[in-house]
N, C-alpha and C. Protein backbone atom coordinates (compact mmCIF):
# COMPACT_ATOMS: atom_id res chain seq x y z
N MET A 1 128.87 109.64 19.10
CA MET A 1 129.47 110.14 20.30
C MET A 1 128.40 110.80 21.18
N LYS A 2 127.52 111.59 20.55
CA LYS A 2 126.47 112.25 21.29
C LYS A 2 125.55 111.23 21.96
N LYS A 3 125.24 110.11 21.25
CA LYS A 3 124.41 109.05 21.81
C LYS A 3 125.10 108.41 23.01
N THR A 4 126.37 108.22 22.97
CA THR A 4 127.13 107.61 24.05
C THR A 4 127.10 108.51 25.28
N ILE A 5 127.30 109.81 25.09
CA ILE A 5 127.28 110.75 26.21
C ILE A 5 125.89 110.78 26.84
N LEU A 6 124.85 110.80 26.02
CA LEU A 6 123.48 110.76 26.56
C LEU A 6 123.22 109.45 27.29
N SER A 7 123.70 108.36 26.76
CA SER A 7 123.51 107.05 27.39
C SER A 7 124.21 107.01 28.75
N ILE A 8 125.43 107.57 28.84
CA ILE A 8 126.16 107.61 30.11
C ILE A 8 125.42 108.51 31.09
N ALA A 9 124.93 109.64 30.63
CA ALA A 9 124.20 110.57 31.49
C ALA A 9 122.92 109.91 32.03
N ASN A 10 122.20 109.21 31.15
CA ASN A 10 120.99 108.51 31.59
C ASN A 10 121.31 107.41 32.59
N SER A 11 122.39 106.68 32.36
CA SER A 11 122.81 105.63 33.30
C SER A 11 123.17 106.23 34.65
N ALA A 12 123.85 107.36 34.64
CA ALA A 12 124.24 108.02 35.89
C ALA A 12 123.00 108.46 36.67
N ARG A 13 122.00 109.00 35.96
CA ARG A 13 120.77 109.40 36.63
C ARG A 13 120.05 108.18 37.20
N THR A 14 120.02 107.10 36.48
CA THR A 14 119.38 105.87 36.95
C THR A 14 120.09 105.36 38.19
N ILE A 15 121.41 105.32 38.14
CA ILE A 15 122.19 104.85 39.29
C ILE A 15 121.96 105.79 40.48
N GLY A 16 121.95 107.08 40.24
CA GLY A 16 121.69 108.05 41.30
C GLY A 16 120.32 107.85 41.93
N ALA A 17 119.31 107.60 41.10
CA ALA A 17 117.96 107.37 41.59
C ALA A 17 117.90 106.10 42.43
N VAL A 18 118.57 105.05 41.97
CA VAL A 18 118.60 103.78 42.71
C VAL A 18 119.28 103.98 44.06
N ILE A 19 120.38 104.72 44.10
CA ILE A 19 121.08 105.00 45.36
C ILE A 19 120.19 105.80 46.29
N MET A 20 119.51 106.82 45.75
CA MET A 20 118.63 107.65 46.57
C MET A 20 117.49 106.83 47.16
N ILE A 21 116.87 105.97 46.36
CA ILE A 21 115.79 105.11 46.84
C ILE A 21 116.33 104.18 47.94
N GLY A 22 117.50 103.64 47.75
CA GLY A 22 118.12 102.77 48.74
C GLY A 22 118.37 103.50 50.04
N LEU A 23 118.87 104.73 49.98
CA LEU A 23 119.13 105.51 51.19
C LEU A 23 117.83 105.84 51.92
N VAL A 24 116.81 106.23 51.17
CA VAL A 24 115.52 106.54 51.78
C VAL A 24 114.95 105.28 52.43
N SER A 25 115.06 104.16 51.79
CA SER A 25 114.55 102.90 52.31
C SER A 25 115.28 102.51 53.60
N VAL A 26 116.59 102.62 53.62
CA VAL A 26 117.38 102.30 54.80
C VAL A 26 117.02 103.25 55.93
N THR A 27 116.91 104.52 55.62
CA THR A 27 116.58 105.52 56.63
C THR A 27 115.19 105.25 57.19
N TYR A 28 114.22 104.93 56.35
CA TYR A 28 112.86 104.70 56.79
C TYR A 28 112.77 103.48 57.70
N THR A 29 113.35 102.35 57.28
CA THR A 29 113.27 101.14 58.09
C THR A 29 114.12 101.27 59.34
N GLY A 30 115.15 102.06 59.32
CA GLY A 30 115.99 102.26 60.49
C GLY A 30 115.28 103.06 61.57
N CYS A 31 114.22 103.78 61.26
CA CYS A 31 113.50 104.60 62.24
C CYS A 31 112.42 103.82 62.96
N LYS A 32 112.11 102.63 62.50
CA LYS A 32 111.09 101.82 63.17
C LYS A 32 111.57 101.49 64.58
N GLN A 33 110.66 101.63 65.57
CA GLN A 33 111.03 101.32 66.94
C GLN A 33 110.03 100.33 67.50
N GLU A 34 110.55 99.22 68.01
CA GLU A 34 109.70 98.22 68.63
C GLU A 34 109.47 98.57 70.09
N GLY A 35 108.35 98.11 70.62
CA GLY A 35 108.00 98.33 72.01
C GLY A 35 106.54 98.01 72.22
N CYS A 36 106.02 98.36 73.36
CA CYS A 36 104.61 98.11 73.67
C CYS A 36 103.78 99.27 73.11
N THR A 37 102.82 98.93 72.25
CA THR A 37 102.01 99.97 71.60
C THR A 37 100.59 100.06 72.16
N ASP A 38 100.29 99.30 73.22
CA ASP A 38 98.95 99.33 73.82
C ASP A 38 98.90 100.41 74.90
N VAL A 39 98.06 101.42 74.70
CA VAL A 39 97.99 102.54 75.64
C VAL A 39 97.49 102.13 77.03
N ASP A 40 96.84 100.96 77.16
CA ASP A 40 96.37 100.49 78.45
C ASP A 40 97.45 99.75 79.24
N ALA A 41 98.59 99.52 78.64
CA ALA A 41 99.65 98.74 79.29
C ALA A 41 100.48 99.60 80.23
N ASN A 42 101.08 98.94 81.21
CA ASN A 42 101.98 99.63 82.16
C ASN A 42 103.20 100.20 81.45
N ASN A 43 103.67 99.49 80.46
CA ASN A 43 104.92 99.86 79.80
C ASN A 43 104.68 100.38 78.38
N TYR A 44 103.58 101.09 78.18
CA TYR A 44 103.28 101.69 76.87
C TYR A 44 104.43 102.61 76.46
N ASP A 45 104.86 102.47 75.22
CA ASP A 45 105.96 103.29 74.69
C ASP A 45 105.41 104.12 73.54
N GLU A 46 105.23 105.41 73.79
CA GLU A 46 104.64 106.28 72.77
C GLU A 46 105.52 106.42 71.53
N LYS A 47 106.80 106.08 71.64
CA LYS A 47 107.71 106.17 70.50
C LYS A 47 107.68 104.90 69.65
N ALA A 48 107.12 103.83 70.18
CA ALA A 48 107.09 102.55 69.46
C ALA A 48 106.03 102.59 68.37
N ASP A 49 106.39 102.06 67.21
CA ASP A 49 105.41 101.94 66.12
C ASP A 49 105.21 100.49 65.71
N THR A 50 105.94 99.57 66.34
CA THR A 50 105.78 98.15 66.10
C THR A 50 105.70 97.44 67.44
N ASP A 51 104.59 96.74 67.70
CA ASP A 51 104.44 96.06 68.97
C ASP A 51 105.34 94.83 69.02
N ASP A 52 106.09 94.70 70.12
CA ASP A 52 107.02 93.59 70.26
C ASP A 52 106.53 92.51 71.21
N GLY A 53 105.28 92.61 71.68
CA GLY A 53 104.70 91.58 72.53
C GLY A 53 105.13 91.64 73.99
N THR A 54 105.70 92.75 74.43
CA THR A 54 106.20 92.85 75.81
C THR A 54 105.26 93.62 76.74
N CYS A 55 104.06 93.96 76.29
CA CYS A 55 103.14 94.75 77.12
C CYS A 55 102.81 94.01 78.42
N THR A 56 102.74 94.76 79.52
CA THR A 56 102.34 94.21 80.81
C THR A 56 101.17 95.04 81.34
N TYR A 57 100.32 94.38 82.14
CA TYR A 57 99.10 95.00 82.62
C TYR A 57 98.95 94.80 84.12
N ASP A 58 98.31 95.75 84.80
CA ASP A 58 98.08 95.66 86.24
C ASP A 58 97.30 94.39 86.61
N TYR A 59 96.32 94.03 85.80
CA TYR A 59 95.46 92.91 86.16
C TYR A 59 96.23 91.61 86.32
N GLU A 60 97.36 91.47 85.63
CA GLU A 60 98.10 90.21 85.63
C GLU A 60 98.55 89.80 87.04
N GLN A 61 98.83 90.77 87.90
CA GLN A 61 99.27 90.46 89.25
C GLN A 61 98.16 89.86 90.10
N PHE A 62 96.91 90.05 89.71
CA PHE A 62 95.77 89.53 90.46
C PHE A 62 95.32 88.15 89.99
N VAL A 63 95.63 87.78 88.76
CA VAL A 63 95.13 86.54 88.18
C VAL A 63 95.61 85.33 88.99
N GLY A 64 94.66 84.46 89.34
CA GLY A 64 95.00 83.24 90.06
C GLY A 64 93.85 82.77 90.93
N THR A 65 94.13 81.74 91.73
CA THR A 65 93.15 81.20 92.65
C THR A 65 93.55 81.58 94.07
N TYR A 66 92.58 82.02 94.84
CA TYR A 66 92.81 82.49 96.20
C TYR A 66 92.01 81.63 97.17
N THR A 67 92.59 81.33 98.33
CA THR A 67 91.84 80.72 99.41
C THR A 67 91.24 81.87 100.20
N THR A 68 89.91 81.90 100.28
CA THR A 68 89.21 82.99 100.93
C THR A 68 88.72 82.55 102.30
N THR A 69 88.96 83.40 103.29
CA THR A 69 88.44 83.18 104.64
C THR A 69 87.67 84.41 105.07
N SER A 70 86.66 84.18 105.93
CA SER A 70 85.84 85.28 106.41
C SER A 70 85.25 84.90 107.76
N PRO A 71 85.24 85.82 108.72
CA PRO A 71 84.59 85.52 110.00
C PRO A 71 83.07 85.36 109.86
N CYS A 72 82.52 85.76 108.73
CA CYS A 72 81.08 85.60 108.50
C CYS A 72 80.68 84.13 108.39
N VAL A 73 81.61 83.30 107.96
CA VAL A 73 81.34 81.88 107.80
C VAL A 73 82.38 81.16 108.67
N SER A 74 82.05 80.97 109.92
CA SER A 74 82.99 80.46 110.91
C SER A 74 83.65 79.15 110.47
N GLY A 75 84.99 79.19 110.44
CA GLY A 75 85.77 78.00 110.13
C GLY A 75 85.75 77.58 108.68
N ALA A 76 85.04 78.29 107.85
CA ALA A 76 84.93 77.90 106.44
C ALA A 76 85.93 78.67 105.59
N SER A 77 86.32 78.07 104.50
CA SER A 77 87.12 78.76 103.49
C SER A 77 86.70 78.22 102.13
N TRP A 78 86.96 78.96 101.11
CA TRP A 78 86.59 78.56 99.75
C TRP A 78 87.58 79.17 98.79
N ASN A 79 87.55 78.67 97.58
CA ASN A 79 88.43 79.21 96.53
C ASN A 79 87.71 80.28 95.73
N THR A 80 88.35 81.42 95.61
CA THR A 80 87.89 82.51 94.76
C THR A 80 88.88 82.61 93.62
N THR A 81 88.39 82.69 92.41
CA THR A 81 89.27 82.74 91.24
C THR A 81 89.17 84.10 90.57
N ILE A 82 90.32 84.64 90.22
CA ILE A 82 90.36 85.89 89.47
C ILE A 82 90.99 85.60 88.12
N ALA A 83 90.28 85.98 87.06
CA ALA A 83 90.76 85.77 85.69
C ALA A 83 90.68 87.09 84.92
N GLY A 84 91.52 87.22 83.91
CA GLY A 84 91.48 88.41 83.06
C GLY A 84 90.15 88.48 82.32
N SER A 85 89.69 89.68 82.07
CA SER A 85 88.45 89.89 81.34
C SER A 85 88.71 89.79 79.84
N SER A 86 87.76 89.26 79.12
CA SER A 86 87.91 89.18 77.66
C SER A 86 87.57 90.50 76.99
N THR A 87 87.01 91.45 77.75
CA THR A 87 86.58 92.70 77.15
C THR A 87 87.50 93.88 77.44
N SER A 88 88.36 93.76 78.46
CA SER A 88 89.20 94.91 78.83
C SER A 88 90.44 94.45 79.58
N LYS A 89 91.54 95.12 79.30
CA LYS A 89 92.80 94.82 79.99
C LYS A 89 92.87 95.50 81.36
N THR A 90 91.84 96.23 81.75
CA THR A 90 91.82 96.88 83.06
C THR A 90 90.76 96.26 83.98
N LYS A 91 90.18 95.14 83.54
CA LYS A 91 89.13 94.48 84.32
C LYS A 91 89.48 93.01 84.53
N VAL A 92 88.89 92.45 85.60
CA VAL A 92 89.02 91.03 85.89
C VAL A 92 87.64 90.47 86.21
N VAL A 93 87.52 89.15 86.17
CA VAL A 93 86.30 88.46 86.56
C VAL A 93 86.63 87.69 87.84
N VAL A 94 85.86 87.97 88.90
CA VAL A 94 86.02 87.29 90.18
C VAL A 94 84.92 86.24 90.29
N SER A 95 85.31 84.96 90.39
CA SER A 95 84.34 83.86 90.46
C SER A 95 84.31 83.25 91.86
N ASN A 96 83.14 82.78 92.24
CA ASN A 96 82.87 82.20 93.55
C ASN A 96 83.07 83.23 94.65
N ILE A 97 82.65 84.44 94.37
CA ILE A 97 82.74 85.49 95.39
C ILE A 97 81.82 85.11 96.55
N GLY A 98 82.30 85.32 97.76
CA GLY A 98 81.51 85.01 98.95
C GLY A 98 81.25 83.53 99.15
N GLY A 99 81.91 82.67 98.37
CA GLY A 99 81.66 81.24 98.48
C GLY A 99 80.28 80.86 97.99
N LEU A 100 79.72 81.70 97.10
CA LEU A 100 78.34 81.49 96.62
C LEU A 100 78.25 80.49 95.46
N GLY A 101 79.38 79.96 95.03
CA GLY A 101 79.39 78.99 93.94
C GLY A 101 80.07 79.56 92.71
N SER A 102 80.49 78.65 91.83
CA SER A 102 81.26 79.07 90.65
C SER A 102 80.47 79.99 89.72
N SER A 103 79.14 79.93 89.79
CA SER A 103 78.33 80.81 88.93
C SER A 103 78.26 82.23 89.48
N ALA A 104 78.67 82.43 90.75
CA ALA A 104 78.63 83.76 91.37
C ALA A 104 79.87 84.53 90.95
N SER A 105 79.75 85.24 89.86
CA SER A 105 80.88 85.99 89.30
C SER A 105 80.54 87.47 89.22
N VAL A 106 81.56 88.30 89.47
CA VAL A 106 81.42 89.74 89.33
C VAL A 106 82.60 90.26 88.53
N VAL A 107 82.43 91.43 87.96
CA VAL A 107 83.51 92.09 87.20
C VAL A 107 84.08 93.18 88.09
N ALA A 108 85.41 93.24 88.14
CA ALA A 108 86.09 94.24 88.96
C ALA A 108 87.08 95.03 88.11
N ASP A 109 87.35 96.25 88.54
CA ASP A 109 88.34 97.10 87.87
C ASP A 109 89.66 96.99 88.61
N ILE A 110 90.75 97.02 87.86
CA ILE A 110 92.08 96.98 88.45
C ILE A 110 92.77 98.30 88.14
N VAL A 111 93.26 98.94 89.19
CA VAL A 111 94.03 100.18 89.05
C VAL A 111 95.26 100.00 89.93
N GLY A 112 96.41 99.79 89.31
CA GLY A 112 97.63 99.54 90.07
C GLY A 112 97.47 98.27 90.87
N SER A 113 97.63 98.35 92.19
CA SER A 113 97.49 97.17 93.05
C SER A 113 96.14 97.16 93.77
N THR A 114 95.17 97.92 93.23
CA THR A 114 93.84 98.01 93.83
C THR A 114 92.80 97.30 92.96
N ILE A 115 91.94 96.54 93.63
CA ILE A 115 90.81 95.91 92.95
C ILE A 115 89.56 96.63 93.44
N GLN A 116 88.76 97.10 92.49
CA GLN A 116 87.53 97.84 92.81
C GLN A 116 86.35 97.06 92.25
N ILE A 117 85.50 96.58 93.15
CA ILE A 117 84.32 95.84 92.74
C ILE A 117 83.13 96.78 92.86
N PRO A 118 82.57 97.22 91.74
CA PRO A 118 81.38 98.08 91.82
C PRO A 118 80.15 97.26 92.22
N SER A 119 79.13 97.92 92.73
CA SER A 119 77.89 97.22 93.10
C SER A 119 77.33 96.50 91.88
N GLN A 120 76.95 95.25 92.10
CA GLN A 120 76.38 94.44 91.01
C GLN A 120 75.73 93.20 91.58
N THR A 121 75.07 92.47 90.73
CA THR A 121 74.35 91.26 91.13
C THR A 121 75.14 90.03 90.74
N ALA A 122 75.14 89.05 91.66
CA ALA A 122 75.75 87.74 91.39
C ALA A 122 74.68 86.68 91.65
N ILE A 123 74.73 85.63 90.88
CA ILE A 123 73.77 84.53 91.01
C ILE A 123 74.48 83.35 91.66
N ASP A 124 73.93 82.85 92.79
CA ASP A 124 74.60 81.74 93.48
C ASP A 124 74.28 80.41 92.81
N SER A 125 74.86 79.34 93.36
CA SER A 125 74.71 78.01 92.74
C SER A 125 73.28 77.49 92.79
N ASP A 126 72.42 78.09 93.64
CA ASP A 126 70.99 77.71 93.68
C ASP A 126 70.14 78.58 92.76
N GLY A 127 70.76 79.53 92.08
CA GLY A 127 70.02 80.42 91.19
C GLY A 127 69.49 81.66 91.89
N ASP A 128 69.85 81.85 93.17
CA ASP A 128 69.40 83.02 93.92
C ASP A 128 70.25 84.23 93.56
N SER A 129 69.61 85.39 93.57
CA SER A 129 70.27 86.64 93.20
C SER A 129 70.76 87.37 94.45
N TRP A 130 72.05 87.72 94.47
CA TRP A 130 72.67 88.46 95.57
C TRP A 130 73.19 89.78 95.02
N THR A 131 73.08 90.84 95.82
CA THR A 131 73.69 92.10 95.44
C THR A 131 75.00 92.23 96.19
N ILE A 132 76.05 92.50 95.46
CA ILE A 132 77.36 92.72 96.03
C ILE A 132 77.56 94.23 96.06
N SER A 133 77.76 94.80 97.26
CA SER A 133 77.94 96.25 97.37
C SER A 133 79.35 96.64 96.95
N SER A 134 79.48 97.86 96.50
CA SER A 134 80.77 98.38 96.06
C SER A 134 81.83 98.24 97.15
N THR A 135 83.02 97.80 96.76
CA THR A 135 84.12 97.64 97.71
C THR A 135 85.45 97.76 96.99
N THR A 136 86.48 98.03 97.76
CA THR A 136 87.83 98.15 97.22
C THR A 136 88.78 97.38 98.12
N GLY A 137 89.73 96.70 97.50
CA GLY A 137 90.76 95.99 98.25
C GLY A 137 92.10 96.25 97.59
N THR A 138 93.17 96.03 98.36
CA THR A 138 94.51 96.25 97.84
C THR A 138 95.31 94.95 97.92
N LEU A 139 96.00 94.65 96.85
CA LEU A 139 96.88 93.48 96.82
C LEU A 139 98.16 93.84 97.56
N SER A 140 98.47 93.08 98.59
CA SER A 140 99.69 93.28 99.36
C SER A 140 100.39 91.93 99.42
N GLY A 141 101.50 91.81 98.69
CA GLY A 141 102.14 90.50 98.57
C GLY A 141 101.22 89.58 97.79
N ASN A 142 100.76 88.52 98.46
CA ASN A 142 99.84 87.57 97.82
C ASN A 142 98.45 87.61 98.44
N SER A 143 98.13 88.67 99.18
CA SER A 143 96.84 88.75 99.86
C SER A 143 96.06 89.99 99.47
N VAL A 144 94.75 89.83 99.46
CA VAL A 144 93.83 90.95 99.27
C VAL A 144 92.89 90.95 100.47
N ASN A 145 92.75 92.09 101.11
CA ASN A 145 91.79 92.25 102.21
C ASN A 145 90.73 93.24 101.77
N LEU A 146 89.46 92.86 101.97
CA LEU A 146 88.37 93.76 101.61
C LEU A 146 87.14 93.44 102.43
N THR A 147 86.25 94.39 102.53
CA THR A 147 84.99 94.20 103.23
C THR A 147 83.88 94.27 102.19
N VAL A 148 83.09 93.20 102.17
CA VAL A 148 82.03 93.09 101.17
C VAL A 148 80.68 92.97 101.88
N THR A 149 79.68 93.68 101.39
CA THR A 149 78.32 93.53 101.89
C THR A 149 77.52 92.74 100.85
N TYR A 150 76.96 91.62 101.30
CA TYR A 150 76.13 90.77 100.46
C TYR A 150 74.68 91.01 100.88
N THR A 151 73.80 91.25 99.92
CA THR A 151 72.39 91.47 100.22
C THR A 151 71.57 90.42 99.49
N PHE A 152 70.73 89.72 100.27
CA PHE A 152 69.82 88.73 99.72
C PHE A 152 68.44 89.11 100.22
N GLY A 153 67.60 89.55 99.30
CA GLY A 153 66.29 90.05 99.69
C GLY A 153 66.47 91.32 100.50
N VAL A 154 66.04 91.29 101.77
CA VAL A 154 66.20 92.47 102.64
C VAL A 154 67.31 92.24 103.68
N SER A 155 67.96 91.11 103.63
CA SER A 155 69.01 90.79 104.61
C SER A 155 70.38 91.20 104.08
N ASN A 156 71.14 91.89 104.94
CA ASN A 156 72.51 92.29 104.60
C ASN A 156 73.50 91.52 105.47
N LEU A 157 74.60 91.14 104.88
CA LEU A 157 75.67 90.48 105.60
C LEU A 157 76.97 91.16 105.17
N THR A 158 77.63 91.85 106.11
CA THR A 158 78.88 92.54 105.79
C THR A 158 80.03 91.69 106.32
N CYS A 159 80.95 91.34 105.42
CA CYS A 159 82.02 90.41 105.75
C CYS A 159 83.38 91.00 105.39
N SER A 160 84.32 90.86 106.34
CA SER A 160 85.71 91.21 106.07
C SER A 160 86.37 89.94 105.57
N GLU A 161 86.79 89.96 104.30
CA GLU A 161 87.37 88.77 103.69
C GLU A 161 88.86 88.95 103.45
N THR A 162 89.57 87.85 103.55
CA THR A 162 90.99 87.81 103.18
C THR A 162 91.13 86.78 102.08
N TRP A 163 91.69 87.22 100.96
CA TRP A 163 91.96 86.33 99.84
C TRP A 163 93.46 86.12 99.79
N ASN A 164 93.89 84.86 99.98
CA ASN A 164 95.32 84.51 99.93
C ASN A 164 95.60 83.71 98.67
N LYS A 165 96.47 84.24 97.84
CA LYS A 165 96.78 83.59 96.56
C LYS A 165 97.49 82.27 96.79
N GLN A 166 97.01 81.24 96.10
CA GLN A 166 97.59 79.89 96.22
C GLN A 166 98.85 79.78 95.39
């Protein structure tokens, strides 16, 4: 009889432990919250502990091909391409800036609807080195307007450009 009572008591403790583990497990998994876990994203959710793939970034609104016009090159237009950077979700790569050729690429920062191109060097399709002076433009609808100074040697050319997204 004593063995039976001990056996029942041990079974009750085992069942109790299994129930407690089950409750803790349900409670733990029930607290998981999905959302965007990337702090650089527009929709970062500090409460999320599981990324659900819904993160959005400012740079995405700029990505595409633009028809660029400038009074510096009378009657001419060219395609400027903006692509996401492989190194940062807050940067883009602008190719064919100034119509200098596909090799003429610069890196720009994106903050909201603003593109900021810091001063840097771009190499044109002939292998010539151009300095692009710091400039800022704002995306309005599908257009970006900015003024860029291109320096080749000692010559400066300041151009007001309009980039219209295709």
